[in-house]
PDB file of N, CA and C in Angstrom:
ATOM      1  N   MET A   1    -142.747  36.063  79.106  1.00  0.00           N
ATOM      2  CA  MET A   1    -142.769  36.867  77.890  1.00  0.00           C
ATOM      3  C   MET A   1    -144.196  36.872  77.344  1.00  0.00           C
ATOM      4  N   THR A   2    -144.706  38.054  77.055  1.00  0.00           N
ATOM      5  CA  THR A   2    -146.066  38.162  76.545  1.00  0.00           C
ATOM      6  C   THR A   2    -146.103  37.906  75.043  1.00  0.00           C
ATOM      7  N   LYS A   3    -147.293  37.691  74.527  1.00  0.00           N
ATOM      8  CA  LYS A   3    -147.469  37.453  73.091  1.00  0.00           C
ATOM      9  C   LYS A   3    -146.947  38.638  72.283  1.00  0.00           C
ATOM     10  N   ASN A   4    -147.237  39.852  72.753  1.00  0.00           N
ATOM     11  CA  ASN A   4    -146.793  41.055  72.058  1.00  0.00           C
ATOM     12  C   ASN A   4    -145.273  41.170  72.054  1.00  0.00           C
ATOM     13  N   SER A   5    -144.643  40.855  73.173  1.00  0.00           N
ATOM     14  CA  SER A   5    -143.182  40.958  73.234  1.00  0.00           C
ATOM     15  C   SER A   5    -142.516  39.877  72.385  1.00  0.00           C
ATOM     16  N   LYS A   6    -143.167  38.721  72.240  1.00  0.00           N
ATOM     17  CA  LYS A   6    -142.641  37.666  71.365  1.00  0.00           C
ATOM     18  C   LYS A   6    -142.668  38.118  69.911  1.00  0.00           C
ATOM     19  N   LYS A   7    -143.771  38.781  69.508  1.00  0.00           N
ATOM     20  CA  LYS A   7    -143.863  39.297  68.137  1.00  0.00           C
ATOM     21  C   LYS A   7    -142.744  40.290  67.868  1.00  0.00           C
ATOM     22  N   LYS A   8    -142.547  41.198  68.812  1.00  0.00           N
ATOM     23  CA  LYS A   8    -141.513  42.216  68.651  1.00  0.00           C
ATOM     24  C   LYS A   8    -140.130  41.571  68.607  1.00  0.00           C
ATOM     25  N   ALA A   9    -139.921  40.567  69.439  1.00  0.00           N
ATOM     26  CA  ALA A   9    -138.627  39.894  69.499  1.00  0.00           C
ATOM     27  C   ALA A   9    -138.270  39.232  68.177  1.00  0.00           C
ATOM     28  N   ILE A  10    -139.240  38.691  67.466  1.00  0.00           N
ATOM     29  CA  ILE A  10    -138.962  38.041  66.179  1.00  0.00           C
ATOM     30  C   ILE A  10    -138.900  39.049  65.037  1.00  0.00           C
ATOM     31  N   ARG A  11    -139.634  40.146  65.134  1.00  0.00           N
ATOM     32  CA  ARG A  11    -139.643  41.145  64.067  1.00  0.00           C
ATOM     33  C   ARG A  11    -138.316  41.889  63.956  1.00  0.00           C
ATOM     34  N   GLN A  12    -137.658  42.142  65.073  1.00  0.00           N
ATOM     35  CA  GLN A  12    -136.400  42.890  65.038  1.00  0.00           C
ATOM     36  C   GLN A  12    -135.315  42.172  64.234  1.00  0.00           C
ATOM     37  N   PRO A  13    -135.032  40.896  64.480  1.00  0.00           N
ATOM     38  CA  PRO A  13    -133.999  40.240  63.663  1.00  0.00           C
ATOM     39  C   PRO A  13    -134.430  40.046  62.202  1.00  0.00           C
ATOM     40  N   ILE A  14    -135.721  39.853  61.979  1.00  0.00           N
ATOM     41  CA  ILE A  14    -136.197  39.723  60.600  1.00  0.00           C
ATOM     42  C   ILE A  14    -135.974  41.027  59.845  1.00  0.00           C
ATOM     43  N   SER A  15    -136.320  42.134  60.472  1.00  0.00           N
ATOM     44  CA  SER A  15    -136.124  43.440  59.850  1.00  0.00           C
ATOM     45  C   SER A  15    -134.648  43.685  59.550  1.00  0.00           C
ATOM     46  N   THR A  16    -133.794  43.350  60.496  1.00  0.00           N
ATOM     47  CA  THR A  16    -132.351  43.522  60.299  1.00  0.00           C
ATOM     48  C   THR A  16    -131.847  42.646  59.165  1.00  0.00           C
ATOM     49  N   LEU A  17    -132.247  41.397  59.141  1.00  0.00           N
ATOM     50  CA  LEU A  17    -131.826  40.464  58.088  1.00  0.00           C
ATOM     51  C   LEU A  17    -132.263  40.950  56.704  1.00  0.00           C
ATOM     52  N   LEU A  18    -133.504  41.425  56.602  1.00  0.00           N
ATOM     53  CA  LEU A  18    -133.986  41.927  55.317  1.00  0.00           C
ATOM     54  C   LEU A  18    -133.185  43.142  54.865  1.00  0.00           C
ATOM     55  N   SER A  19    -132.883  44.043  55.791  1.00  0.00           N
ATOM     56  CA  SER A  19    -132.082  45.228  55.460  1.00  0.00           C
ATOM     57  C   SER A  19    -130.679  44.834  55.009  1.00  0.00           C
ATOM     58  N   GLU A  20    -130.089  43.872  55.687  1.00  0.00           N
ATOM     59  CA  GLU A  20    -128.747  43.405  55.317  1.00  0.00           C
ATOM     60  C   GLU A  20    -128.733  42.778  53.923  1.00  0.00           C
ATOM     61  N   ASN A  21    -129.890  42.307  53.485  1.00  0.00           N
ATOM     62  CA  ASN A  21    -129.996  41.691  52.163  1.00  0.00           C
ATOM     63  C   ASN A  21    -130.618  42.626  51.129  1.00  0.00           C
ATOM     64  N   SER A  22    -130.539  43.915  51.404  1.00  0.00           N
ATOM     65  CA  SER A  22    -130.942  44.974  50.471  1.00  0.00           C
ATOM     66  C   SER A  22    -132.417  44.980  50.110  1.00  0.00           C
ATOM     67  N   VAL A  23    -133.269  44.477  50.991  1.00  0.00           N
ATOM     68  CA  VAL A  23    -134.709  44.559  50.777  1.00  0.00           C
ATOM     69  C   VAL A  23    -135.131  45.994  51.092  1.00  0.00           C
ATOM     70  N   ALA A  24    -135.901  46.597  50.195  1.00  0.00           N
ATOM     71  CA  ALA A  24    -136.331  47.982  50.369  1.00  0.00           C
ATOM     72  C   ALA A  24    -137.127  48.137  51.673  1.00  0.00           C
ATOM     73  N   THR A  25    -136.925  49.260  52.317  1.00  0.00           N
ATOM     74  CA  THR A  25    -137.560  49.514  53.611  1.00  0.00           C
ATOM     75  C   THR A  25    -139.071  49.416  53.537  1.00  0.00           C
ATOM     76  N   HIS A  26    -139.675  49.951  52.473  1.00  0.00           N
ATOM     77  CA  HIS A  26    -141.141  49.913  52.383  1.00  0.00           C
ATOM     78  C   HIS A  26    -141.654  48.484  52.241  1.00  0.00           C
ATOM     79  N   VAL A  27    -140.882  47.616  51.617  1.00  0.00           N
ATOM     80  CA  VAL A  27    -141.279  46.208  51.484  1.00  0.00           C
ATOM     81  C   VAL A  27    -141.191  45.525  52.850  1.00  0.00           C
ATOM     82  N   THR A  28    -140.106  45.780  53.570  1.00  0.00           N
ATOM     83  CA  THR A  28    -139.943  45.223  54.922  1.00  0.00           C
ATOM     84  C   THR A  28    -141.087  45.658  55.822  1.00  0.00           C
ATOM     85  N   GLU A  29    -141.421  46.938  55.777  1.00  0.00           N
ATOM     86  CA  GLU A  29    -142.500  47.461  56.622  1.00  0.00           C
ATOM     87  C   GLU A  29    -143.826  46.766  56.325  1.00  0.00           C
ATOM     88  N   LYS A  30    -144.134  46.545  55.055  1.00  0.00           N
ATOM     89  CA  LYS A  30    -145.380  45.846  54.700  1.00  0.00           C
ATOM     90  C   LYS A  30    -145.333  44.385  55.143  1.00  0.00           C
ATOM     91  N   MET A  31    -144.173  43.750  55.001  1.00  0.00           N
ATOM     92  CA  MET A  31    -144.040  42.355  55.411  1.00  0.00           C
ATOM     93  C   MET A  31    -144.227  42.203  56.916  1.00  0.00           C
ATOM     94  N   LEU A  32    -143.841  43.215  57.678  1.00  0.00           N
ATOM     95  CA  LEU A  32    -144.006  43.189  59.132  1.00  0.00           C
ATOM     96  C   LEU A  32    -145.360  43.730  59.552  1.00  0.00           C
ATOM     97  N   ASP A  33    -146.206  43.993  58.580  1.00  0.00           N
ATOM     98  CA  ASP A  33    -147.572  44.473  58.799  1.00  0.00           C
ATOM     99  C   ASP A  33    -147.603  45.835  59.491  1.00  0.00           C
ATOM    100  N   HIS A  34    -146.624  46.678  59.156  1.00  0.00           N
ATOM    101  CA  HIS A  34    -146.604  48.042  59.673  1.00  0.00           C
ATOM    102  C   HIS A  34    -147.391  48.947  58.736  1.00  0.00           C
ATOM    103  N   THR A  35    -147.939  50.007  59.265  1.00  0.00           N
ATOM    104  CA  THR A  35    -148.714  50.958  58.482  1.00  0.00           C
ATOM    105  C   THR A  35    -147.785  51.974  57.840  1.00  0.00           C
ATOM    106  N   MET A  36    -148.024  52.243  56.558  1.00  0.00           N
ATOM    107  CA  MET A  36    -147.246  53.261  55.861  1.00  0.00           C
ATOM    108  C   MET A  36    -147.706  54.631  56.336  1.00  0.00           C
ATOM    109  N   ARG A  37    -146.768  55.562  56.456  1.00  0.00           N
ATOM    110  CA  ARG A  37    -147.087  56.910  56.917  1.00  0.00           C
ATOM    111  C   ARG A  37    -146.534  57.949  55.964  1.00  0.00           C
ATOM    112  N   GLY A  38    -146.980  59.161  56.153  1.00  0.00           N
ATOM    113  CA  GLY A  38    -146.451  60.283  55.384  1.00  0.00           C
ATOM    114  C   GLY A  38    -146.787  60.186  53.909  1.00  0.00           C
ATOM    115  N   VAL A  39    -145.844  60.591  53.083  1.00  0.00           N
ATOM    116  CA  VAL A  39    -146.051  60.636  51.634  1.00  0.00           C
ATOM    117  C   VAL A  39    -146.330  59.250  51.069  1.00  0.00           C
ATOM    118  N   LEU A  40    -145.645  58.230  51.572  1.00  0.00           N
ATOM    119  CA  LEU A  40    -145.877  56.873  51.075  1.00  0.00           C
ATOM    120  C   LEU A  40    -147.325  56.441  51.274  1.00  0.00           C
ATOM    121  N   ALA A  41    -147.896  56.783  52.394  1.00  0.00           N
ATOM    122  CA  ALA A  41    -149.281  56.399  52.675  1.00  0.00           C
ATOM    123  C   ALA A  41    -150.263  57.143  51.785  1.00  0.00           C
ATOM    124  N   VAL A  42    -149.926  58.370  51.434  1.00  0.00           N
ATOM    125  CA  VAL A  42    -150.833  59.190  50.631  1.00  0.00           C
ATOM    126  C   VAL A  42    -150.785  58.798  49.162  1.00  0.00           C
ATOM    127  N   TYR A  43    -149.594  58.618  48.616  1.00  0.00           N
ATOM    128  CA  TYR A  43    -149.455  58.432  47.180  1.00  0.00           C
ATOM    129  C   TYR A  43    -149.325  56.981  46.722  1.00  0.00           C
ATOM    130  N   ASN A  44    -148.685  56.147  47.504  1.00  0.00           N
ATOM    131  CA  ASN A  44    -148.444  54.779  47.071  1.00  0.00           C
ATOM    132  C   ASN A  44    -149.506  53.856  47.656  1.00  0.00           C
ATOM    133  N   LYS A  45    -150.431  53.407  46.829  1.00  0.00           N
ATOM    134  CA  LYS A  45    -151.533  52.544  47.280  1.00  0.00           C
ATOM    135  C   LYS A  45    -151.313  51.081  46.921  1.00  0.00           C
ATOM    136  N   HIS A  46    -150.164  50.769  46.323  1.00  0.00           N
ATOM    137  CA  HIS A  46    -149.870  49.389  45.945  1.00  0.00           C
ATOM    138  C   HIS A  46    -149.727  48.508  47.179  1.00  0.00           C
ATOM    139  N   ASP A  47    -150.287  47.313  47.151  1.00  0.00           N
ATOM    140  CA  ASP A  47    -150.181  46.370  48.256  1.00  0.00           C
ATOM    141  C   ASP A  47    -149.108  45.343  47.909  1.00  0.00           C
ATOM    142  N   TRP A  48    -147.929  45.508  48.471  1.00  0.00           N
ATOM    143  CA  TRP A  48    -146.798  44.645  48.142  1.00  0.00           C
ATOM    144  C   TRP A  48    -147.037  43.188  48.499  1.00  0.00           C
ATOM    145  N   MET A  49    -147.916  42.911  49.442  1.00  0.00           N
ATOM    146  CA  MET A  49    -148.161  41.528  49.830  1.00  0.00           C
ATOM    147  C   MET A  49    -148.802  40.732  48.695  1.00  0.00           C
ATOM    148  N   ASN A  50    -149.573  41.370  47.837  1.00  0.00           N
ATOM    149  CA  ASN A  50    -150.173  40.673  46.702  1.00  0.00           C
ATOM    150  C   ASN A  50    -149.106  40.212  45.711  1.00  0.00           C
ATOM    151  N   TRP A  51    -147.969  40.880  45.721  1.00  0.00           N
ATOM    152  CA  TRP A  51    -146.879  40.535  44.819  1.00  0.00           C
ATOM    153  C   TRP A  51    -146.325  39.151  45.143  1.00  0.00           C
ATOM    154  N   PHE A  52    -146.390  38.763  46.413  1.00  0.00           N
ATOM    155  CA  PHE A  52    -145.846  37.482  46.845  1.00  0.00           C
ATOM    156  C   PHE A  52    -146.785  36.312  46.598  1.00  0.00           C
ATOM    157  N   ASN A  53    -148.050  36.589  46.305  1.00  0.00           N
ATOM    158  CA  ASN A  53    -149.026  35.507  46.107  1.00  0.00           C
ATOM    159  C   ASN A  53    -148.962  34.927  44.728  1.00  0.00           C
TER     160      ASN A  53
END
């Protein structure tokens, strides 16, 4: 198993668990270090990770 496949393997259950616990999709995406796209990327410049610090 490569390093990249290990990251993906752990991100999938984390994403599912967060969704099952009603965590907003945009928060999950930022927590998984995914890039925002479309309208969210253009208009919403808030960095949710700073909220956790």
